[in-house]
Amino acid sequence: MKITEIIEAQMAYGWSPEEIHFRHPYLSMSQIHSFLAYYWDSKVEVNADIERSFEYAERMRKQATTQPCILKEV
């Protein structure tokens, strides 16, 4: 799991460390707190990485030539 995934979830949902652990039980509380501490020490770099990922996803979405399938009831 990438640190950006944890930080994005915390930003999007307002999850506490305990909620992160509930949602991702394979992470220990010390790992989660380490992720959060790293984020606060490297906030500019992590936020830049999150922004790059978002921009990449937006570029790929715009370049997609097919539309997702929409199922209709018959």
PDB file of N, CA and C in Angstrom:
ATOM      1  N   MET A   1       0.850  -1.178   0.000  1.00  0.00           N
ATOM      2  CA  MET A   1       0.000   0.000   0.000  1.00  0.00           C
ATOM      3  C   MET A   1       0.889   1.232   0.000  1.00  0.00           C
ATOM      4  N   LYS A   2       0.534   2.192  -0.820  1.00  0.00           N
ATOM      5  CA  LYS A   2       1.306   3.433  -0.889  1.00  0.00           C
ATOM      6  C   LYS A   2       0.811   4.419   0.159  1.00  0.00           C
ATOM      7  N   ILE A   3       1.738   5.214   0.638  1.00  0.00           N
ATOM      8  CA  ILE A   3       1.379   6.239   1.622  1.00  0.00           C
ATOM      9  C   ILE A   3       0.331   7.179   1.051  1.00  0.00           C
ATOM     10  N   THR A   4       0.421   7.454  -0.260  1.00  0.00           N
ATOM     11  CA  THR A   4      -0.550   8.371  -0.862  1.00  0.00           C
ATOM     12  C   THR A   4      -1.970   7.814  -0.769  1.00  0.00           C
ATOM     13  N   GLU A   5      -2.122   6.496  -0.839  1.00  0.00           N
ATOM     14  CA  GLU A   5      -3.459   5.902  -0.742  1.00  0.00           C
ATOM     15  C   GLU A   5      -4.056   6.140   0.641  1.00  0.00           C
ATOM     16  N   ILE A   6      -3.236   6.004   1.657  1.00  0.00           N
ATOM     17  CA  ILE A   6      -3.697   6.242   3.031  1.00  0.00           C
ATOM     18  C   ILE A   6      -4.051   7.712   3.215  1.00  0.00           C
ATOM     19  N   ILE A   7      -3.191   8.597   2.739  1.00  0.00           N
ATOM     20  CA  ILE A   7      -3.418  10.032   2.905  1.00  0.00           C
ATOM     21  C   ILE A   7      -4.648  10.471   2.119  1.00  0.00           C
ATOM     22  N   GLU A   8      -4.807   9.972   0.894  1.00  0.00           N
ATOM     23  CA  GLU A   8      -5.983  10.327   0.100  1.00  0.00           C
ATOM     24  C   GLU A   8      -7.263   9.887   0.801  1.00  0.00           C
ATOM     25  N   ALA A   9      -7.264   8.680   1.381  1.00  0.00           N
ATOM     26  CA  ALA A   9      -8.450   8.199   2.096  1.00  0.00           C
ATOM     27  C   ALA A   9      -8.721   9.074   3.311  1.00  0.00           C
ATOM     28  N   GLN A  10      -7.679   9.441   4.018  1.00  0.00           N
ATOM     29  CA  GLN A  10      -7.874  10.290   5.188  1.00  0.00           C
ATOM     30  C   GLN A  10      -8.430  11.647   4.776  1.00  0.00           C
ATOM     31  N   MET A  11      -7.915  12.202   3.696  1.00  0.00           N
ATOM     32  CA  MET A  11      -8.400  13.499   3.215  1.00  0.00           C
ATOM     33  C   MET A  11      -9.849  13.400   2.724  1.00  0.00           C
ATOM     34  N   ALA A  12     -10.134  12.372   1.962  1.00  0.00           N
ATOM     35  CA  ALA A  12     -11.459  12.235   1.355  1.00  0.00           C
ATOM     36  C   ALA A  12     -12.542  11.912   2.380  1.00  0.00           C
ATOM     37  N   TYR A  13     -12.218  11.061   3.326  1.00  0.00           N
ATOM     38  CA  TYR A  13     -13.238  10.568   4.246  1.00  0.00           C
ATOM     39  C   TYR A  13     -13.076  11.068   5.681  1.00  0.00           C
ATOM     40  N   GLY A  14     -11.967  11.746   5.965  1.00  0.00           N
ATOM     41  CA  GLY A  14     -11.725  12.230   7.313  1.00  0.00           C
ATOM     42  C   GLY A  14     -11.448  11.117   8.302  1.00  0.00           C
ATOM     43  N   TRP A  15     -10.877  10.020   7.816  1.00  0.00           N
ATOM     44  CA  TRP A  15     -10.632   8.866   8.672  1.00  0.00           C
ATOM     45  C   TRP A  15      -9.587   9.153   9.737  1.00  0.00           C
ATOM     46  N   SER A  16      -9.842   8.692  10.927  1.00  0.00           N
ATOM     47  CA  SER A  16      -8.869   8.722  12.016  1.00  0.00           C
ATOM     48  C   SER A  16      -7.906   7.552  11.818  1.00  0.00           C
ATOM     49  N   PRO A  17      -6.781   7.530  12.526  1.00  0.00           N
ATOM     50  CA  PRO A  17      -5.893   6.367  12.434  1.00  0.00           C
ATOM     51  C   PRO A  17      -6.614   5.055  12.775  1.00  0.00           C
ATOM     52  N   GLU A  18      -7.516   5.116  13.738  1.00  0.00           N
ATOM     53  CA  GLU A  18      -8.263   3.921  14.115  1.00  0.00           C
ATOM     54  C   GLU A  18      -9.183   3.455  12.981  1.00  0.00           C
ATOM     55  N   GLU A  19      -9.811   4.404  12.290  1.00  0.00           N
ATOM     56  CA  GLU A  19     -10.675   4.050  11.158  1.00  0.00           C
ATOM     57  C   GLU A  19      -9.840   3.490  10.013  1.00  0.00           C
ATOM     58  N   ILE A  20      -8.682   4.061   9.772  1.00  0.00           N
ATOM     59  CA  ILE A  20      -7.785   3.523   8.737  1.00  0.00           C
ATOM     60  C   ILE A  20      -7.453   2.073   9.073  1.00  0.00           C
ATOM     61  N   HIS A  21      -7.144   1.819  10.336  1.00  0.00           N
ATOM     62  CA  HIS A  21      -6.814   0.449  10.767  1.00  0.00           C
ATOM     63  C   HIS A  21      -8.016  -0.481  10.590  1.00  0.00           C
ATOM     64  N   PHE A  22      -9.202   0.003  10.913  1.00  0.00           N
ATOM     65  CA  PHE A  22     -10.419  -0.797  10.733  1.00  0.00           C
ATOM     66  C   PHE A  22     -10.598  -1.161   9.263  1.00  0.00           C
ATOM     67  N   ARG A  23     -10.364  -0.196   8.377  1.00  0.00           N
ATOM     68  CA  ARG A  23     -10.537  -0.412   6.928  1.00  0.00           C
ATOM     69  C   ARG A  23      -9.403  -1.225   6.320  1.00  0.00           C
ATOM     70  N   HIS A  24      -8.228  -1.152   6.926  1.00  0.00           N
ATOM     71  CA  HIS A  24      -7.030  -1.852   6.424  1.00  0.00           C
ATOM     72  C   HIS A  24      -6.373  -2.597   7.581  1.00  0.00           C
ATOM     73  N   PRO A  25      -6.992  -3.680   8.048  1.00  0.00           N
ATOM     74  CA  PRO A  25      -6.503  -4.372   9.243  1.00  0.00           C
ATOM     75  C   PRO A  25      -5.114  -4.998   9.085  1.00  0.00           C
ATOM     76  N   TYR A  26      -4.636  -5.150   7.859  1.00  0.00           N
ATOM     77  CA  TYR A  26      -3.303  -5.698   7.630  1.00  0.00           C
ATOM     78  C   TYR A  26      -2.215  -4.680   7.970  1.00  0.00           C
ATOM     79  N   LEU A  27      -2.593  -3.407   8.197  1.00  0.00           N
ATOM     80  CA  LEU A  27      -1.630  -2.387   8.626  1.00  0.00           C
ATOM     81  C   LEU A  27      -1.692  -2.273  10.144  1.00  0.00           C
ATOM     82  N   SER A  28      -0.541  -2.248  10.770  1.00  0.00           N
ATOM     83  CA  SER A  28      -0.525  -2.064  12.224  1.00  0.00           C
ATOM     84  C   SER A  28      -0.731  -0.584  12.537  1.00  0.00           C
ATOM     85  N   MET A  29      -1.136  -0.311  13.755  1.00  0.00           N
ATOM     86  CA  MET A  29      -1.309   1.080  14.167  1.00  0.00           C
ATOM     87  C   MET A  29       0.018   1.832  14.083  1.00  0.00           C
ATOM     88  N   SER A  30       1.124   1.154  14.396  1.00  0.00           N
ATOM     89  CA  SER A  30       2.420   1.840  14.296  1.00  0.00           C
ATOM     90  C   SER A  30       2.755   2.167  12.846  1.00  0.00           C
ATOM     91  N   GLN A  31       2.392   1.301  11.910  1.00  0.00           N
ATOM     92  CA  GLN A  31       2.604   1.611  10.492  1.00  0.00           C
ATOM     93  C   GLN A  31       1.776   2.817  10.077  1.00  0.00           C
ATOM     94  N   ILE A  32       0.534   2.845  10.506  1.00  0.00           N
ATOM     95  CA  ILE A  32      -0.354   3.955  10.151  1.00  0.00           C
ATOM     96  C   ILE A  32       0.178   5.262  10.712  1.00  0.00           C
ATOM     97  N   HIS A  33       0.581   5.253  11.973  1.00  0.00           N
ATOM     98  CA  HIS A  33       1.131   6.470  12.567  1.00  0.00           C
ATOM     99  C   HIS A  33       2.444   6.862  11.900  1.00  0.00           C
ATOM    100  N   SER A  34       3.222   5.883  11.478  1.00  0.00           N
ATOM    101  CA  SER A  34       4.461   6.180  10.740  1.00  0.00           C
ATOM    102  C   SER A  34       4.148   6.832   9.400  1.00  0.00           C
ATOM    103  N   PHE A  35       3.117   6.314   8.700  1.00  0.00           N
ATOM    104  CA  PHE A  35       2.683   6.931   7.441  1.00  0.00           C
ATOM    105  C   PHE A  35       2.298   8.386   7.664  1.00  0.00           C
ATOM    106  N   LEU A  36       1.491   8.612   8.701  1.00  0.00           N
ATOM    107  CA  LEU A  36       1.018   9.968   8.967  1.00  0.00           C
ATOM    108  C   LEU A  36       2.160  10.893   9.369  1.00  0.00           C
ATOM    109  N   ALA A  37       3.095  10.389  10.161  1.00  0.00           N
ATOM    110  CA  ALA A  37       4.252  11.198  10.557  1.00  0.00           C
ATOM    111  C   ALA A  37       5.103  11.535   9.333  1.00  0.00           C
ATOM    112  N   TYR A  38       5.306  10.538   8.463  1.00  0.00           N
ATOM    113  CA  TYR A  38       6.072  10.793   7.241  1.00  0.00           C
ATOM    114  C   TYR A  38       5.375  11.859   6.402  1.00  0.00           C
ATOM    115  N   TYR A  39       4.058  11.754   6.301  1.00  0.00           N
ATOM    116  CA  TYR A  39       3.307  12.736   5.531  1.00  0.00           C
ATOM    117  C   TYR A  39       3.535  14.138   6.073  1.00  0.00           C
ATOM    118  N   TRP A  40       3.421  14.308   7.385  1.00  0.00           N
ATOM    119  CA  TRP A  40       3.584  15.645   7.960  1.00  0.00           C
ATOM    120  C   TRP A  40       5.006  16.160   7.794  1.00  0.00           C
ATOM    121  N   ASP A  41       5.980  15.265   7.753  1.00  0.00           N
ATOM    122  CA  ASP A  41       7.365  15.696   7.546  1.00  0.00           C
ATOM    123  C   ASP A  41       7.669  15.955   6.075  1.00  0.00           C
ATOM    124  N   SER A  42       6.876  15.379   5.175  1.00  0.00           N
ATOM    125  CA  SER A  42       7.140  15.471   3.733  1.00  0.00           C
ATOM    126  C   SER A  42       5.890  15.889   2.972  1.00  0.00           C
ATOM    127  N   LYS A  43       5.115  16.748   3.565  1.00  0.00           N
ATOM    128  CA  LYS A  43       3.805  17.119   3.027  1.00  0.00           C
ATOM    129  C   LYS A  43       3.873  17.651   1.597  1.00  0.00           C
ATOM    130  N   VAL A  44       4.831  18.504   1.306  1.00  0.00           N
ATOM    131  CA  VAL A  44       4.933  19.095  -0.036  1.00  0.00           C
ATOM    132  C   VAL A  44       5.163  18.004  -1.081  1.00  0.00           C
ATOM    133  N   GLU A  45       6.090  17.093  -0.805  1.00  0.00           N
ATOM    134  CA  GLU A  45       6.409  16.043  -1.766  1.00  0.00           C
ATOM    135  C   GLU A  45       5.244  15.064  -1.939  1.00  0.00           C
ATOM    136  N   VAL A  46       4.617  14.678  -0.840  1.00  0.00           N
ATOM    137  CA  VAL A  46       3.503  13.721  -0.923  1.00  0.00           C
ATOM    138  C   VAL A  46       2.317  14.357  -1.647  1.00  0.00           C
ATOM    139  N   ASN A  47       2.005  15.606  -1.334  1.00  0.00           N
ATOM    140  CA  ASN A  47       0.905  16.285  -2.028  1.00  0.00           C
ATOM    141  C   ASN A  47       1.195  16.423  -3.514  1.00  0.00           C
ATOM    142  N   ALA A  48       2.451  16.674  -3.870  1.00  0.00           N
ATOM    143  CA  ALA A  48       2.826  16.761  -5.288  1.00  0.00           C
ATOM    144  C   ALA A  48       2.625  15.412  -5.970  1.00  0.00           C
ATOM    145  N   ASP A  49       2.959  14.321  -5.282  1.00  0.00           N
ATOM    146  CA  ASP A  49       2.768  12.989  -5.843  1.00  0.00           C
ATOM    147  C   ASP A  49       1.281  12.691  -6.031  1.00  0.00           C
ATOM    148  N   ILE A  50       0.467  13.078  -5.064  1.00  0.00           N
ATOM    149  CA  ILE A  50      -0.983  12.904  -5.181  1.00  0.00           C
ATOM    150  C   ILE A  50      -1.511  13.699  -6.369  1.00  0.00           C
ATOM    151  N   GLU A  51      -1.053  14.919  -6.521  1.00  0.00           N
ATOM    152  CA  GLU A  51      -1.491  15.767  -7.638  1.00  0.00           C
ATOM    153  C   GLU A  51      -1.080  15.168  -8.980  1.00  0.00           C
ATOM    154  N   ARG A  52       0.149  14.643  -9.071  1.00  0.00           N
ATOM    155  CA  ARG A  52       0.596  14.005 -10.319  1.00  0.00           C
ATOM    156  C   ARG A  52      -0.280  12.802 -10.659  1.00  0.00           C
ATOM    157  N   SER A  53      -0.608  12.020  -9.657  1.00  0.00           N
ATOM    158  CA  SER A  53      -1.470  10.850  -9.892  1.00  0.00           C
ATOM    159  C   SER A  53      -2.844  11.270 -10.385  1.00  0.00           C
ATOM    160  N   PHE A  54      -3.390  12.312  -9.773  1.00  0.00           N
ATOM    161  CA  PHE A  54      -4.696  12.821 -10.191  1.00  0.00           C
ATOM    162  C   PHE A  54      -4.636  13.323 -11.636  1.00  0.00           C
ATOM    163  N   GLU A  55      -3.613  14.089 -11.960  1.00  0.00           N
ATOM    164  CA  GLU A  55      -3.474  14.621 -13.322  1.00  0.00           C
ATOM    165  C   GLU A  55      -3.323  13.499 -14.337  1.00  0.00           C
ATOM    166  N   TYR A  56      -2.568  12.461 -13.988  1.00  0.00           N
ATOM    167  CA  TYR A  56      -2.403  11.314 -14.882  1.00  0.00           C
ATOM    168  C   TYR A  56      -3.755  10.627 -15.117  1.00  0.00           C
ATOM    169  N   ALA A  57      -4.496  10.414 -14.037  1.00  0.00           N
ATOM    170  CA  ALA A  57      -5.804   9.765 -14.169  1.00  0.00           C
ATOM    171  C   ALA A  57      -6.737  10.607 -15.037  1.00  0.00           C
ATOM    172  N   GLU A  58      -6.702  11.908 -14.877  1.00  0.00           N
ATOM    173  CA  GLU A  58      -7.538  12.795 -15.704  1.00  0.00           C
ATOM    174  C   GLU A  58      -7.136  12.723 -17.174  1.00  0.00           C
ATOM    175  N   ARG A  59      -5.819  12.708 -17.451  1.00  0.00           N
ATOM    176  CA  ARG A  59      -5.359  12.593 -18.843  1.00  0.00           C
ATOM    177  C   ARG A  59      -5.829  11.282 -19.457  1.00  0.00           C
ATOM    178  N   MET A  60      -5.708  10.199 -18.708  1.00  0.00           N
ATOM    179  CA  MET A  60      -6.123   8.890 -19.224  1.00  0.00           C
ATOM    180  C   MET A  60      -7.634   8.850 -19.447  1.00  0.00           C
ATOM    181  N   ARG A  61      -8.389   9.459 -18.550  1.00  0.00           N
ATOM    182  CA  ARG A  61      -9.846   9.501 -18.702  1.00  0.00           C
ATOM    183  C   ARG A  61     -10.223  10.256 -19.970  1.00  0.00           C
ATOM    184  N   LYS A  62      -9.551  11.379 -20.220  1.00  0.00           N
ATOM    185  CA  LYS A  62      -9.860  12.185 -21.404  1.00  0.00           C
ATOM    186  C   LYS A  62      -9.428  11.504 -22.693  1.00  0.00           C
ATOM    187  N   GLN A  63      -8.378  10.683 -22.617  1.00  0.00           N
ATOM    188  CA  GLN A  63      -7.871  10.006 -23.807  1.00  0.00           C
ATOM    189  C   GLN A  63      -8.635   8.723 -24.123  1.00  0.00           C
ATOM    190  N   ALA A  64      -9.417   8.261 -23.186  1.00  0.00           N
ATOM    191  CA  ALA A  64     -10.144   7.007 -23.398  1.00  0.00           C
ATOM    192  C   ALA A  64     -11.062   7.156 -24.608  1.00  0.00           C
ATOM    193  N   THR A  65     -11.025   6.174 -25.473  1.00  0.00           N
ATOM    194  CA  THR A  65     -11.825   6.256 -26.704  1.00  0.00           C
ATOM    195  C   THR A  65     -13.157   5.544 -26.563  1.00  0.00           C
ATOM    196  N   THR A  66     -13.278   4.692 -25.574  1.00  0.00           N
ATOM    197  CA  THR A  66     -14.544   3.975 -25.397  1.00  0.00           C
ATOM    198  C   THR A  66     -15.223   4.459 -24.117  1.00  0.00           C
ATOM    199  N   GLN A  67     -16.499   4.396 -24.151  1.00  0.00           N
ATOM    200  CA  GLN A  67     -17.287   4.756 -22.986  1.00  0.00           C
ATOM    201  C   GLN A  67     -17.572   3.487 -22.188  1.00  0.00           C
ATOM    202  N   PRO A  68     -17.711   3.622 -20.875  1.00  0.00           N
ATOM    203  CA  PRO A  68     -18.054   2.430 -20.093  1.00  0.00           C
ATOM    204  C   PRO A  68     -19.421   1.896 -20.502  1.00  0.00           C
ATOM    205  N   CYS A  69     -19.603   0.613 -20.333  1.00  0.00           N
ATOM    206  CA  CYS A  69     -20.880  -0.028 -20.669  1.00  0.00           C
ATOM    207  C   CYS A  69     -21.952   0.449 -19.706  1.00  0.00           C
ATOM    208  N   ILE A  70     -23.103   0.697 -20.237  1.00  0.00           N
ATOM    209  CA  ILE A  70     -24.255   1.042 -19.432  1.00  0.00           C
ATOM    210  C   ILE A  70     -25.300  -0.041 -19.681  1.00  0.00           C
ATOM    211  N   LEU A  71     -25.637  -0.751 -18.612  1.00  0.00           N
ATOM    212  CA  LEU A  71     -26.609  -1.830 -18.746  1.00  0.00           C
ATOM    213  C   LEU A  71     -28.010  -1.260 -18.632  1.00  0.00           C
ATOM    214  N   LYS A  72     -28.855  -1.662 -19.563  1.00  0.00           N
ATOM    215  CA  LYS A  72     -30.242  -1.237 -19.539  1.00  0.00           C
ATOM    216  C   LYS A  72     -31.105  -2.432 -19.221  1.00  0.00           C
ATOM    217  N   GLU A  73     -32.159  -2.170 -18.472  1.00  0.00           N
ATOM    218  CA  GLU A  73     -33.115  -3.246 -18.219  1.00  0.00           C
ATOM    219  C   GLU A  73     -33.893  -3.502 -19.489  1.00  0.00           C
ATOM    220  N   VAL A  74     -34.192  -4.752 -19.744  1.00  0.00           N
ATOM    221  CA  VAL A  74     -34.906  -5.118 -20.951  1.00  0.00           C
ATOM    222  C   VAL A  74     -36.338  -5.430 -20.647  1.00  0.00           C
TER     223      VAL A  74
END
